[in-house]
Amino acid sequence: MTPVLYVLAAIAEIMGCFAVWAWWRQGASVLWLIPGLAALLAFAWLLALTPPSHAGRSFAVFGGVYIAAALVWLRFVEDSALRPTDLVGGALALAGAGVILWGAR
């Protein structure tokens, strides 16, 4: 269940940040900020459900998952090709997140 929470939190954060980006940088309606705020609230709630007993550890693991999710967003939502270095960097980030999350067990 833990990896699912991190993935859902990453999707929510990216959606919320993209709503602000679309309004600010692409001229979208200010109404984009309403679902954007809802998505950012969902992100914070989902991240708070993760099991690490220390917020910093949970945030560190989330960082790795967020990097990978941002690359998936880049590829499939923004339709931009990924470079080999994107793939290597994403894999390293996920590996680091796994070490932090499961390393002490």
PDB file of N, CA and C in Angstrom:
ATOM      1  N   MET A   1       0.816  -1.201   0.000  1.00  0.00           N
ATOM      2  CA  MET A   1       0.000   0.000   0.000  1.00  0.00           C
ATOM      3  C   MET A   1       0.860   1.265   0.000  1.00  0.00           C
ATOM      4  N   THR A   2       2.032   1.218   0.635  1.00  0.00           N
ATOM      5  CA  THR A   2       2.894   2.394   0.732  1.00  0.00           C
ATOM      6  C   THR A   2       3.297   2.943  -0.630  1.00  0.00           C
ATOM      7  N   PRO A   3       3.784   2.111  -1.566  1.00  0.00           N
ATOM      8  CA  PRO A   3       4.139   2.671  -2.874  1.00  0.00           C
ATOM      9  C   PRO A   3       2.950   3.340  -3.571  1.00  0.00           C
ATOM     10  N   VAL A   4       1.758   2.795  -3.384  1.00  0.00           N
ATOM     11  CA  VAL A   4       0.561   3.382  -3.994  1.00  0.00           C
ATOM     12  C   VAL A   4       0.307   4.778  -3.432  1.00  0.00           C
ATOM     13  N   LEU A   5       0.467   4.941  -2.116  1.00  0.00           N
ATOM     14  CA  LEU A   5       0.278   6.264  -1.509  1.00  0.00           C
ATOM     15  C   LEU A   5       1.249   7.280  -2.087  1.00  0.00           C
ATOM     16  N   TYR A   6       2.510   6.874  -2.236  1.00  0.00           N
ATOM     17  CA  TYR A   6       3.505   7.791  -2.795  1.00  0.00           C
ATOM     18  C   TYR A   6       3.183   8.154  -4.249  1.00  0.00           C
ATOM     19  N   VAL A   7       2.758   7.175  -5.023  1.00  0.00           N
ATOM     20  CA  VAL A   7       2.415   7.449  -6.429  1.00  0.00           C
ATOM     21  C   VAL A   7       1.198   8.371  -6.509  1.00  0.00           C
ATOM     22  N   LEU A   8       0.174   8.093  -5.716  1.00  0.00           N
ATOM     23  CA  LEU A   8      -1.011   8.957  -5.722  1.00  0.00           C
ATOM     24  C   LEU A   8      -0.668  10.376  -5.264  1.00  0.00           C
ATOM     25  N   ALA A   9       0.186  10.484  -4.255  1.00  0.00           N
ATOM     26  CA  ALA A   9       0.612  11.809  -3.784  1.00  0.00           C
ATOM     27  C   ALA A   9       1.373  12.550  -4.878  1.00  0.00           C
ATOM     28  N   ALA A  10       2.218  11.840  -5.599  1.00  0.00           N
ATOM     29  CA  ALA A  10       2.983  12.474  -6.676  1.00  0.00           C
ATOM     30  C   ALA A  10       2.062  12.961  -7.789  1.00  0.00           C
ATOM     31  N   ILE A  11       1.095  12.143  -8.153  1.00  0.00           N
ATOM     32  CA  ILE A  11       0.148  12.548  -9.197  1.00  0.00           C
ATOM     33  C   ILE A  11      -0.633  13.780  -8.748  1.00  0.00           C
ATOM     34  N   ALA A  12      -1.081  13.778  -7.496  1.00  0.00           N
ATOM     35  CA  ALA A  12      -1.839  14.925  -6.988  1.00  0.00           C
ATOM     36  C   ALA A  12      -0.986  16.187  -6.980  1.00  0.00           C
ATOM     37  N   GLU A  13       0.268  16.072  -6.553  1.00  0.00           N
ATOM     38  CA  GLU A  13       1.122  17.263  -6.520  1.00  0.00           C
ATOM     39  C   GLU A  13       1.395  17.789  -7.921  1.00  0.00           C
ATOM     40  N   ILE A  14       1.685  16.898  -8.838  1.00  0.00           N
ATOM     41  CA  ILE A  14       1.946  17.330 -10.213  1.00  0.00           C
ATOM     42  C   ILE A  14       0.707  17.989 -10.809  1.00  0.00           C
ATOM     43  N   MET A  15      -0.465  17.412 -10.565  1.00  0.00           N
ATOM     44  CA  MET A  15      -1.691  18.010 -11.080  1.00  0.00           C
ATOM     45  C   MET A  15      -1.913  19.403 -10.503  1.00  0.00           C
ATOM     46  N   GLY A  16      -1.700  19.549  -9.202  1.00  0.00           N
ATOM     47  CA  GLY A  16      -1.885  20.849  -8.567  1.00  0.00           C
ATOM     48  C   GLY A  16      -0.899  21.880  -9.073  1.00  0.00           C
ATOM     49  N   CYS A  17       0.347  21.477  -9.173  1.00  0.00           N
ATOM     50  CA  CYS A  17       1.365  22.410  -9.668  1.00  0.00           C
ATOM     51  C   CYS A  17       1.134  22.735 -11.141  1.00  0.00           C
ATOM     52  N   PHE A  18       0.697  21.762 -11.919  1.00  0.00           N
ATOM     53  CA  PHE A  18       0.439  22.023 -13.334  1.00  0.00           C
ATOM     54  C   PHE A  18      -0.729  22.996 -13.505  1.00  0.00           C
ATOM     55  N   ALA A  19      -1.718  22.925 -12.631  1.00  0.00           N
ATOM     56  CA  ALA A  19      -2.843  23.861 -12.716  1.00  0.00           C
ATOM     57  C   ALA A  19      -2.351  25.294 -12.523  1.00  0.00           C
ATOM     58  N   VAL A  20      -1.465  25.502 -11.555  1.00  0.00           N
ATOM     59  CA  VAL A  20      -0.888  26.833 -11.354  1.00  0.00           C
ATOM     60  C   VAL A  20      -0.043  27.219 -12.560  1.00  0.00           C
ATOM     61  N   TRP A  21       0.763  26.292 -13.059  1.00  0.00           N
ATOM     62  CA  TRP A  21       1.603  26.531 -14.237  1.00  0.00           C
ATOM     63  C   TRP A  21       0.739  26.945 -15.430  1.00  0.00           C
ATOM     64  N   ALA A  22      -0.350  26.212 -15.650  1.00  0.00           N
ATOM     65  CA  ALA A  22      -1.218  26.509 -16.794  1.00  0.00           C
ATOM     66  C   ALA A  22      -1.829  27.898 -16.662  1.00  0.00           C
ATOM     67  N   TRP A  23      -2.250  28.266 -15.457  1.00  0.00           N
ATOM     68  CA  TRP A  23      -2.823  29.593 -15.252  1.00  0.00           C
ATOM     69  C   TRP A  23      -1.764  30.684 -15.414  1.00  0.00           C
ATOM     70  N   TRP A  24      -0.632  30.489 -14.757  1.00  0.00           N
ATOM     71  CA  TRP A  24       0.403  31.518 -14.719  1.00  0.00           C
ATOM     72  C   TRP A  24       1.167  31.633 -16.031  1.00  0.00           C
ATOM     73  N   ARG A  25       1.566  30.499 -16.612  1.00  0.00           N
ATOM     74  CA  ARG A  25       2.488  30.504 -17.745  1.00  0.00           C
ATOM     75  C   ARG A  25       1.820  30.302 -19.095  1.00  0.00           C
ATOM     76  N   GLN A  26       0.607  29.717 -19.096  1.00  0.00           N
ATOM     77  CA  GLN A  26      -0.030  29.409 -20.371  1.00  0.00           C
ATOM     78  C   GLN A  26      -1.338  30.159 -20.585  1.00  0.00           C
ATOM     79  N   GLY A  27      -1.684  31.039 -19.668  1.00  0.00           N
ATOM     80  CA  GLY A  27      -2.872  31.854 -19.853  1.00  0.00           C
ATOM     81  C   GLY A  27      -4.197  31.143 -19.631  1.00  0.00           C
ATOM     82  N   ALA A  28      -4.187  30.041 -18.914  1.00  0.00           N
ATOM     83  CA  ALA A  28      -5.444  29.336 -18.624  1.00  0.00           C
ATOM     84  C   ALA A  28      -6.283  30.181 -17.662  1.00  0.00           C
ATOM     85  N   SER A  29      -7.554  29.873 -17.600  1.00  0.00           N
ATOM     86  CA  SER A  29      -8.482  30.576 -16.722  1.00  0.00           C
ATOM     87  C   SER A  29      -8.037  30.475 -15.264  1.00  0.00           C
ATOM     88  N   VAL A  30      -8.327  31.513 -14.496  1.00  0.00           N
ATOM     89  CA  VAL A  30      -8.038  31.502 -13.071  1.00  0.00           C
ATOM     90  C   VAL A  30      -8.795  30.376 -12.362  1.00  0.00           C
ATOM     91  N   LEU A  31      -9.853  29.880 -12.979  1.00  0.00           N
ATOM     92  CA  LEU A  31     -10.611  28.769 -12.403  1.00  0.00           C
ATOM     93  C   LEU A  31      -9.793  27.487 -12.309  1.00  0.00           C
ATOM     94  N   TRP A  32      -8.694  27.405 -13.066  1.00  0.00           N
ATOM     95  CA  TRP A  32      -7.798  26.256 -12.946  1.00  0.00           C
ATOM     96  C   TRP A  32      -7.223  26.147 -11.540  1.00  0.00           C
ATOM     97  N   LEU A  33      -7.188  27.247 -10.814  1.00  0.00           N
ATOM     98  CA  LEU A  33      -6.617  27.222  -9.474  1.00  0.00           C
ATOM     99  C   LEU A  33      -7.491  26.457  -8.477  1.00  0.00           C
ATOM    100  N   ILE A  34      -8.767  26.332  -8.748  1.00  0.00           N
ATOM    101  CA  ILE A  34      -9.665  25.614  -7.828  1.00  0.00           C
ATOM    102  C   ILE A  34      -9.325  24.119  -7.791  1.00  0.00           C
ATOM    103  N   PRO A  35      -9.312  23.412  -8.940  1.00  0.00           N
ATOM    104  CA  PRO A  35      -8.903  22.003  -8.862  1.00  0.00           C
ATOM    105  C   PRO A  35      -7.425  21.864  -8.493  1.00  0.00           C
ATOM    106  N   GLY A  36      -6.638  22.878  -8.838  1.00  0.00           N
ATOM    107  CA  GLY A  36      -5.230  22.838  -8.451  1.00  0.00           C
ATOM    108  C   GLY A  36      -5.065  22.834  -6.945  1.00  0.00           C
ATOM    109  N   LEU A  37      -5.818  23.672  -6.260  1.00  0.00           N
ATOM    110  CA  LEU A  37      -5.772  23.708  -4.801  1.00  0.00           C
ATOM    111  C   LEU A  37      -6.273  22.396  -4.206  1.00  0.00           C
ATOM    112  N   ALA A  38      -7.337  21.864  -4.767  1.00  0.00           N
ATOM    113  CA  ALA A  38      -7.858  20.576  -4.284  1.00  0.00           C
ATOM    114  C   ALA A  38      -6.810  19.475  -4.452  1.00  0.00           C
ATOM    115  N   ALA A  39      -6.114  19.483  -5.577  1.00  0.00           N
ATOM    116  CA  ALA A  39      -5.083  18.471  -5.816  1.00  0.00           C
ATOM    117  C   ALA A  39      -3.926  18.626  -4.831  1.00  0.00           C
ATOM    118  N   LEU A  40      -3.535  19.854  -4.526  1.00  0.00           N
ATOM    119  CA  LEU A  40      -2.439  20.064  -3.575  1.00  0.00           C
ATOM    120  C   LEU A  40      -2.848  19.671  -2.155  1.00  0.00           C
ATOM    121  N   LEU A  41      -4.093  19.890  -1.803  1.00  0.00           N
ATOM    122  CA  LEU A  41      -4.582  19.426  -0.502  1.00  0.00           C
ATOM    123  C   LEU A  41      -4.589  17.897  -0.447  1.00  0.00           C
ATOM    124  N   ALA A  42      -5.000  17.255  -1.532  1.00  0.00           N
ATOM    125  CA  ALA A  42      -4.981  15.785  -1.596  1.00  0.00           C
ATOM    126  C   ALA A  42      -3.551  15.268  -1.485  1.00  0.00           C
ATOM    127  N   PHE A  43      -2.622  15.953  -2.132  1.00  0.00           N
ATOM    128  CA  PHE A  43      -1.212  15.574  -2.045  1.00  0.00           C
ATOM    129  C   PHE A  43      -0.746  15.564  -0.590  1.00  0.00           C
ATOM    130  N   ALA A  44      -1.010  16.641   0.131  1.00  0.00           N
ATOM    131  CA  ALA A  44      -0.555  16.732   1.516  1.00  0.00           C
ATOM    132  C   ALA A  44      -1.206  15.660   2.383  1.00  0.00           C
ATOM    133  N   TRP A  45      -2.492  15.413   2.172  1.00  0.00           N
ATOM    134  CA  TRP A  45      -3.199  14.390   2.943  1.00  0.00           C
ATOM    135  C   TRP A  45      -2.635  13.000   2.655  1.00  0.00           C
ATOM    136  N   LEU A  46      -2.426  12.687   1.377  1.00  0.00           N
ATOM    137  CA  LEU A  46      -1.901  11.375   1.009  1.00  0.00           C
ATOM    138  C   LEU A  46      -0.496  11.159   1.566  1.00  0.00           C
ATOM    139  N   LEU A  47       0.336  12.180   1.499  1.00  0.00           N
ATOM    140  CA  LEU A  47       1.696  12.036   2.012  1.00  0.00           C
ATOM    141  C   LEU A  47       1.692  11.829   3.526  1.00  0.00           C
ATOM    142  N   ALA A  48       0.729  12.452   4.208  1.00  0.00           N
ATOM    143  CA  ALA A  48       0.631  12.275   5.656  1.00  0.00           C
ATOM    144  C   ALA A  48       0.196  10.859   6.039  1.00  0.00           C
ATOM    145  N   LEU A  49      -0.379  10.114   5.103  1.00  0.00           N
ATOM    146  CA  LEU A  49      -0.805   8.732   5.377  1.00  0.00           C
ATOM    147  C   LEU A  49       0.335   7.720   5.262  1.00  0.00           C
ATOM    148  N   THR A  50       1.476   8.130   4.742  1.00  0.00           N
ATOM    149  CA  THR A  50       2.581   7.189   4.559  1.00  0.00           C
ATOM    150  C   THR A  50       3.143   6.765   5.911  1.00  0.00           C
ATOM    151  N   PRO A  51       3.732   5.565   5.988  1.00  0.00           N
ATOM    152  CA  PRO A  51       4.083   4.999   7.279  1.00  0.00           C
ATOM    153  C   PRO A  51       5.331   5.512   8.000  1.00  0.00           C
ATOM    154  N   PRO A  52       6.314   6.115   7.336  1.00  0.00           N
ATOM    155  CA  PRO A  52       7.486   6.504   8.143  1.00  0.00           C
ATOM    156  C   PRO A  52       7.087   7.382   9.332  1.00  0.00           C
ATOM    157  N   SER A  53       7.754   7.148  10.466  1.00  0.00           N
ATOM    158  CA  SER A  53       7.398   7.871  11.685  1.00  0.00           C
ATOM    159  C   SER A  53       7.950   9.292  11.706  1.00  0.00           C
ATOM    160  N   HIS A  54       8.828   9.618  10.776  1.00  0.00           N
ATOM    161  CA  HIS A  54       9.402  10.960  10.702  1.00  0.00           C
ATOM    162  C   HIS A  54       9.049  11.581   9.356  1.00  0.00           C
ATOM    163  N   ALA A  55       8.562  12.792   9.388  1.00  0.00           N
ATOM    164  CA  ALA A  55       8.130  13.472   8.163  1.00  0.00           C
ATOM    165  C   ALA A  55       9.270  13.588   7.159  1.00  0.00           C
ATOM    166  N   GLY A  56      10.462  13.913   7.632  1.00  0.00           N
ATOM    167  CA  GLY A  56      11.598  14.085   6.725  1.00  0.00           C
ATOM    168  C   GLY A  56      11.899  12.837   5.916  1.00  0.00           C
ATOM    169  N   ARG A  57      11.791  11.669   6.555  1.00  0.00           N
ATOM    170  CA  ARG A  57      12.033  10.421   5.829  1.00  0.00           C
ATOM    171  C   ARG A  57      10.945  10.193   4.787  1.00  0.00           C
ATOM    172  N   SER A  58       9.718  10.466   5.146  1.00  0.00           N
ATOM    173  CA  SER A  58       8.623  10.313   4.194  1.00  0.00           C
ATOM    174  C   SER A  58       8.808  11.270   3.018  1.00  0.00           C
ATOM    175  N   PHE A  59       9.198  12.509   3.303  1.00  0.00           N
ATOM    176  CA  PHE A  59       9.410  13.491   2.242  1.00  0.00           C
ATOM    177  C   PHE A  59      10.575  13.080   1.340  1.00  0.00           C
ATOM    178  N   ALA A  60      11.624  12.500   1.924  1.00  0.00           N
ATOM    179  CA  ALA A  60      12.780  12.067   1.130  1.00  0.00           C
ATOM    180  C   ALA A  60      12.385  10.947   0.171  1.00  0.00           C
ATOM    181  N   VAL A  61      11.634   9.978   0.666  1.00  0.00           N
ATOM    182  CA  VAL A  61      11.167   8.893  -0.202  1.00  0.00           C
ATOM    183  C   VAL A  61      10.265   9.460  -1.288  1.00  0.00           C
ATOM    184  N   PHE A  62       9.378  10.360  -0.899  1.00  0.00           N
ATOM    185  CA  PHE A  62       8.479  10.971  -1.871  1.00  0.00           C
ATOM    186  C   PHE A  62       9.260  11.672  -2.979  1.00  0.00           C
ATOM    187  N   GLY A  63      10.364  12.291  -2.637  1.00  0.00           N
ATOM    188  CA  GLY A  63      11.164  12.987  -3.649  1.00  0.00           C
ATOM    189  C   GLY A  63      11.562  12.085  -4.795  1.00  0.00           C
ATOM    190  N   GLY A  64      11.983  10.873  -4.482  1.00  0.00           N
ATOM    191  CA  GLY A  64      12.358   9.925  -5.535  1.00  0.00           C
ATOM    192  C   GLY A  64      11.175   9.526  -6.391  1.00  0.00           C
ATOM    193  N   VAL A  65      10.047   9.271  -5.747  1.00  0.00           N
ATOM    194  CA  VAL A  65       8.838   8.890  -6.484  1.00  0.00           C
ATOM    195  C   VAL A  65       8.367  10.067  -7.340  1.00  0.00           C
ATOM    196  N   TYR A  66       8.463  11.279  -6.794  1.00  0.00           N
ATOM    197  CA  TYR A  66       8.044  12.471  -7.533  1.00  0.00           C
ATOM    198  C   TYR A  66       8.871  12.653  -8.806  1.00  0.00           C
ATOM    199  N   ILE A  67      10.162  12.429  -8.716  1.00  0.00           N
ATOM    200  CA  ILE A  67      11.022  12.557  -9.903  1.00  0.00           C
ATOM    201  C   ILE A  67      10.543  11.609 -10.996  1.00  0.00           C
ATOM    202  N   ALA A  68      10.296  10.360 -10.638  1.00  0.00           N
ATOM    203  CA  ALA A  68       9.837   9.384 -11.633  1.00  0.00           C
ATOM    204  C   ALA A  68       8.465   9.779 -12.187  1.00  0.00           C
ATOM    205  N   ALA A  69       7.556  10.220 -11.320  1.00  0.00           N
ATOM    206  CA  ALA A  69       6.219  10.623 -11.775  1.00  0.00           C
ATOM    207  C   ALA A  69       6.292  11.839 -12.685  1.00  0.00           C
ATOM    208  N   ALA A  70       7.191  12.763 -12.393  1.00  0.00           N
ATOM    209  CA  ALA A  70       7.341  13.947 -13.245  1.00  0.00           C
ATOM    210  C   ALA A  70       7.834  13.556 -14.639  1.00  0.00           C
ATOM    211  N   LEU A  71       8.684  12.548 -14.707  1.00  0.00           N
ATOM    212  CA  LEU A  71       9.154  12.077 -16.014  1.00  0.00           C
ATOM    213  C   LEU A  71       8.030  11.392 -16.784  1.00  0.00           C
ATOM    214  N   VAL A  72       7.182  10.646 -16.092  1.00  0.00           N
ATOM    215  CA  VAL A  72       6.022  10.032 -16.747  1.00  0.00           C
ATOM    216  C   VAL A  72       5.084  11.135 -17.248  1.00  0.00           C
ATOM    217  N   TRP A  73       4.863  12.160 -16.446  1.00  0.00           N
ATOM    218  CA  TRP A  73       4.041  13.308 -16.855  1.00  0.00           C
ATOM    219  C   TRP A  73       4.634  13.966 -18.098  1.00  0.00           C
ATOM    220  N   LEU A  74       5.936  14.189 -18.067  1.00  0.00           N
ATOM    221  CA  LEU A  74       6.629  14.805 -19.201  1.00  0.00           C
ATOM    222  C   LEU A  74       6.396  14.013 -20.477  1.00  0.00           C
ATOM    223  N   ARG A  75       6.482  12.705 -20.372  1.00  0.00           N
ATOM    224  CA  ARG A  75       6.358  11.856 -21.553  1.00  0.00           C
ATOM    225  C   ARG A  75       4.924  11.758 -22.055  1.00  0.00           C
ATOM    226  N   PHE A  76       3.971  11.513 -21.160  1.00  0.00           N
ATOM    227  CA  PHE A  76       2.622  11.189 -21.612  1.00  0.00           C
ATOM    228  C   PHE A  76       1.637  12.359 -21.597  1.00  0.00           C
ATOM    229  N   VAL A  77       1.826  13.320 -20.727  1.00  0.00           N
ATOM    230  CA  VAL A  77       0.929  14.467 -20.705  1.00  0.00           C
ATOM    231  C   VAL A  77       1.471  15.591 -21.593  1.00  0.00           C
ATOM    232  N   GLU A  78       2.764  15.875 -21.445  1.00  0.00           N
ATOM    233  CA  GLU A  78       3.367  16.933 -22.249  1.00  0.00           C
ATOM    234  C   GLU A  78       3.913  16.423 -23.579  1.00  0.00           C
ATOM    235  N   ASP A  79       3.842  15.120 -23.786  1.00  0.00           N
ATOM    236  CA  ASP A  79       4.255  14.489 -25.039  1.00  0.00           C
ATOM    237  C   ASP A  79       5.676  14.852 -25.457  1.00  0.00           C
ATOM    238  N   SER A  80       6.583  14.819 -24.507  1.00  0.00           N
ATOM    239  CA  SER A  80       7.987  15.116 -24.770  1.00  0.00           C
ATOM    240  C   SER A  80       8.800  13.827 -24.609  1.00  0.00           C
ATOM    241  N   ALA A  81       9.681  13.590 -25.542  1.00  0.00           N
ATOM    242  CA  ALA A  81      10.508  12.380 -25.497  1.00  0.00           C
ATOM    243  C   ALA A  81      11.472  12.444 -24.310  1.00  0.00           C
ATOM    244  N   LEU A  82      11.647  11.308 -23.678  1.00  0.00           N
ATOM    245  CA  LEU A  82      12.603  11.225 -22.587  1.00  0.00           C
ATOM    246  C   LEU A  82      13.984  10.913 -23.137  1.00  0.00           C
ATOM    247  N   ARG A  83      14.982  11.505 -22.527  1.00  0.00           N
ATOM    248  CA  ARG A  83      16.381  11.234 -22.898  1.00  0.00           C
ATOM    249  C   ARG A  83      16.865  10.050 -22.065  1.00  0.00           C
ATOM    250  N   PRO A  84      17.891   9.378 -22.527  1.00  0.00           N
ATOM    251  CA  PRO A  84      18.452   8.288 -21.707  1.00  0.00           C
ATOM    252  C   PRO A  84      18.852   8.753 -20.308  1.00  0.00           C
ATOM    253  N   THR A  85      19.345   9.969 -20.199  1.00  0.00           N
ATOM    254  CA  THR A  85      19.723  10.474 -18.881  1.00  0.00           C
ATOM    255  C   THR A  85      18.508  10.676 -17.983  1.00  0.00           C
ATOM    256  N   ASP A  86      17.346  10.967 -18.559  1.00  0.00           N
ATOM    257  CA  ASP A  86      16.115  11.056 -17.772  1.00  0.00           C
ATOM    258  C   ASP A  86      15.799   9.698 -17.156  1.00  0.00           C
ATOM    259  N   LEU A  87      15.920   8.665 -17.973  1.00  0.00           N
ATOM    260  CA  LEU A  87      15.611   7.315 -17.493  1.00  0.00           C
ATOM    261  C   LEU A  87      16.583   6.863 -16.410  1.00  0.00           C
ATOM    262  N   VAL A  88      17.864   7.130 -16.612  1.00  0.00           N
ATOM    263  CA  VAL A  88      18.862   6.745 -15.611  1.00  0.00           C
ATOM    264  C   VAL A  88      18.637   7.527 -14.321  1.00  0.00           C
ATOM    265  N   GLY A  89      18.413   8.824 -14.441  1.00  0.00           N
ATOM    266  CA  GLY A  89      18.173   9.645 -13.259  1.00  0.00           C
ATOM    267  C   GLY A  89      16.930   9.214 -12.507  1.00  0.00           C
ATOM    268  N   GLY A  90      15.858   8.903 -13.235  1.00  0.00           N
ATOM    269  CA  GLY A  90      14.640   8.425 -12.592  1.00  0.00           C
ATOM    270  C   GLY A  90      14.852   7.110 -11.869  1.00  0.00           C
ATOM    271  N   ALA A  91      15.594   6.202 -12.494  1.00  0.00           N
ATOM    272  CA  ALA A  91      15.871   4.910 -11.855  1.00  0.00           C
ATOM    273  C   ALA A  91      16.720   5.092 -10.597  1.00  0.00           C
ATOM    274  N   LEU A  92      17.708   5.970 -10.663  1.00  0.00           N
ATOM    275  CA  LEU A  92      18.534   6.233  -9.482  1.00  0.00           C
ATOM    276  C   LEU A  92      17.703   6.844  -8.349  1.00  0.00           C
ATOM    277  N   ALA A  93      16.808   7.751  -8.706  1.00  0.00           N
ATOM    278  CA  ALA A  93      15.955   8.380  -7.691  1.00  0.00           C
ATOM    279  C   ALA A  93      15.069   7.337  -7.012  1.00  0.00           C
ATOM    280  N   LEU A  94      14.481   6.438  -7.813  1.00  0.00           N
ATOM    281  CA  LEU A  94      13.637   5.391  -7.230  1.00  0.00           C
ATOM    282  C   LEU A  94      14.456   4.422  -6.382  1.00  0.00           C
ATOM    283  N   ALA A  95      15.650   4.108  -6.828  1.00  0.00           N
ATOM    284  CA  ALA A  95      16.512   3.227  -6.042  1.00  0.00           C
ATOM    285  C   ALA A  95      16.854   3.879  -4.704  1.00  0.00           C
ATOM    286  N   GLY A  96      17.174   5.162  -4.730  1.00  0.00           N
ATOM    287  CA  GLY A  96      17.469   5.879  -3.493  1.00  0.00           C
ATOM    288  C   GLY A  96      16.266   5.923  -2.566  1.00  0.00           C
ATOM    289  N   ALA A  97      15.086   6.136  -3.135  1.00  0.00           N
ATOM    290  CA  ALA A  97      13.863   6.152  -2.331  1.00  0.00           C
ATOM    291  C   ALA A  97      13.648   4.795  -1.671  1.00  0.00           C
ATOM    292  N   GLY A  98      13.890   3.728  -2.422  1.00  0.00           N
ATOM    293  CA  GLY A  98      13.740   2.383  -1.862  1.00  0.00           C
ATOM    294  C   GLY A  98      14.710   2.111  -0.731  1.00  0.00           C
ATOM    295  N   VAL A  99      15.950   2.565  -0.888  1.00  0.00           N
ATOM    296  CA  VAL A  99      16.949   2.388   0.171  1.00  0.00           C
ATOM    297  C   VAL A  99      16.501   3.106   1.436  1.00  0.00           C
ATOM    298  N   ILE A 100      16.010   4.331   1.284  1.00  0.00           N
ATOM    299  CA  ILE A 100      15.556   5.098   2.450  1.00  0.00           C
ATOM    300  C   ILE A 100      14.356   4.437   3.108  1.00  0.00           C
ATOM    301  N   LEU A 101      13.386   4.005   2.312  1.00  0.00           N
ATOM    302  CA  LEU A 101      12.160   3.450   2.857  1.00  0.00           C
ATOM    303  C   LEU A 101      12.368   2.080   3.487  1.00  0.00           C
ATOM    304  N   TRP A 102      13.065   1.216   2.786  1.00  0.00           N
ATOM    305  CA  TRP A 102      13.181  -0.177   3.255  1.00  0.00           C
ATOM    306  C   TRP A 102      14.542  -0.521   3.836  1.00  0.00           C
ATOM    307  N   GLY A 103      15.463   0.401   3.838  1.00  0.00           N
ATOM    308  CA  GLY A 103      16.832   0.118   4.277  1.00  0.00           C
ATOM    309  C   GLY A 103      16.976  -0.253   5.724  1.00  0.00           C
ATOM    310  N   ALA A 104      16.162   0.277   6.584  1.00  0.00           N
ATOM    311  CA  ALA A 104      16.308   0.016   8.013  1.00  0.00           C
ATOM    312  C   ALA A 104      15.561  -1.230   8.478  1.00  0.00           C
ATOM    313  N   ARG A 105      14.906  -1.903   7.565  1.00  0.00           N
ATOM    314  CA  ARG A 105      14.104  -3.070   7.967  1.00  0.00           C
ATOM    315  C   ARG A 105      14.925  -4.326   7.976  1.00  0.00           C
TER     316      ARG A 105
END
